[in-house]
Amino acid sequence: MGEVFNNTGKTDISIRSADRHVFIGECKIWKSPQGITEALDQLLKYLTWRDTKAALVLFIRSGTPSDVIPPGAPLGQKAGAS
């Protein structure tokens, strides 16, 4: 199922079994490490206490992940967090 409502927004990927979500996914095009933090925040807003499986799917338009994401990049961290 694509882009369906869950909790506080519309998620890109939703797999359900009976009346429950068994997987929730959010798709994003890579722009920067800061974009990852924003995308993770967005994904976490879609989850409820019953959701146990979720993923952020990144699409990189050119290059490979090791070319685009610098080694040791603080992905998913708020500014100033350590």
Protein backbone atom coordinates (compact mmCIF):
# COMPACT_ATOMS: atom_id res chain seq x y z
CA MET A 1 0.00 0.00 0.00
CA GLY A 2 1.45 3.42 -0.81
CA GLU A 3 1.10 6.73 1.05
CA VAL A 4 -1.53 6.05 3.69
CA PHE A 5 -2.45 7.83 6.92
CA ASN A 6 -0.87 6.57 10.12
CA ASN A 7 -0.84 8.41 13.44
CA THR A 8 0.01 12.04 12.49
CA GLY A 9 0.69 11.88 8.76
CA LYS A 10 0.90 9.94 5.52
CA THR A 11 3.60 7.32 5.28
CA ASP A 12 5.01 6.20 1.93
CA ILE A 13 5.00 2.43 2.57
CA SER A 14 2.54 0.60 4.79
CA ILE A 15 2.19 -3.15 5.09
CA ARG A 16 -0.72 -4.35 7.20
CA SER A 17 -1.84 -7.68 8.57
CA ALA A 18 -5.41 -7.82 9.83
CA ASP A 19 -5.91 -4.50 11.63
CA ARG A 20 -2.25 -3.72 12.41
CA HIS A 21 0.75 -2.26 10.63
CA VAL A 22 3.57 -4.78 10.37
CA PHE A 23 5.91 -2.41 8.54
CA ILE A 24 6.05 1.33 7.91
CA GLY A 25 8.52 2.94 5.53
CA GLU A 26 9.36 6.47 4.49
CA CYS A 27 11.15 7.21 1.20
CA LYS A 28 13.42 10.20 0.69
CA ILE A 29 15.88 11.44 -1.91
CA TRP A 30 19.32 12.04 -0.35
CA LYS A 31 20.15 15.73 -0.04
CA SER A 32 22.32 16.10 3.07
CA PRO A 33 23.00 14.60 6.50
CA GLN A 34 20.59 17.19 7.97
CA GLY A 35 17.88 15.80 5.69
CA ILE A 36 18.30 12.43 7.39
CA THR A 37 17.53 13.94 10.79
CA GLU A 38 14.40 15.59 9.40
CA ALA A 39 13.31 12.38 7.66
CA LEU A 40 13.79 10.32 10.83
CA ASP A 41 11.76 12.86 12.82
CA GLN A 42 9.03 12.59 10.19
CA LEU A 43 9.07 8.78 10.29
CA LEU A 44 8.94 8.68 14.10
CA LYS A 45 5.84 10.92 14.08
CA TYR A 46 4.04 8.30 12.00
CA LEU A 47 4.71 5.48 14.44
CA THR A 48 2.46 4.44 17.30
CA TRP A 49 3.37 2.38 20.35
CA ARG A 50 2.30 -0.78 18.51
CA ASP A 51 4.55 -0.25 15.49
CA THR A 52 7.71 -2.35 15.83
CA LYS A 53 9.19 -2.35 12.32
CA ALA A 54 10.01 0.75 10.31
CA ALA A 55 12.63 1.91 7.83
CA LEU A 56 13.88 5.01 6.10
CA VAL A 57 14.60 4.26 2.43
CA LEU A 58 17.08 6.62 0.77
CA PHE A 59 17.40 7.14 -2.96
CA ILE A 60 20.78 8.50 -4.07
CA ARG A 61 20.57 9.97 -7.57
CA SER A 62 24.27 9.89 -8.40
CA GLY A 63 27.22 8.13 -6.84
CA THR A 64 27.27 5.45 -4.19
CA PRO A 65 26.48 5.79 -0.48
CA SER A 66 30.20 5.81 0.37
CA ASP A 67 30.75 8.63 -2.18
CA VAL A 68 27.88 10.76 -0.91
CA ILE A 69 27.82 10.17 2.85
CA PRO A 70 31.11 11.14 4.49
CA PRO A 71 32.65 8.53 6.82
CA GLY A 72 31.66 9.21 10.42
CA ALA A 73 28.87 11.60 9.42
CA PRO A 74 26.58 12.16 12.42
CA LEU A 75 23.45 10.91 10.69
CA GLY A 76 20.23 11.17 12.64
CA GLN A 77 21.65 13.38 15.40
CA LYS A 78 20.24 16.71 16.42
CA ALA A 79 22.59 19.68 16.14
CA GLY A 80 24.84 19.81 19.18
CA ALA A 81 24.06 16.20 20.19
CA SER A 82 26.92 13.84 20.87
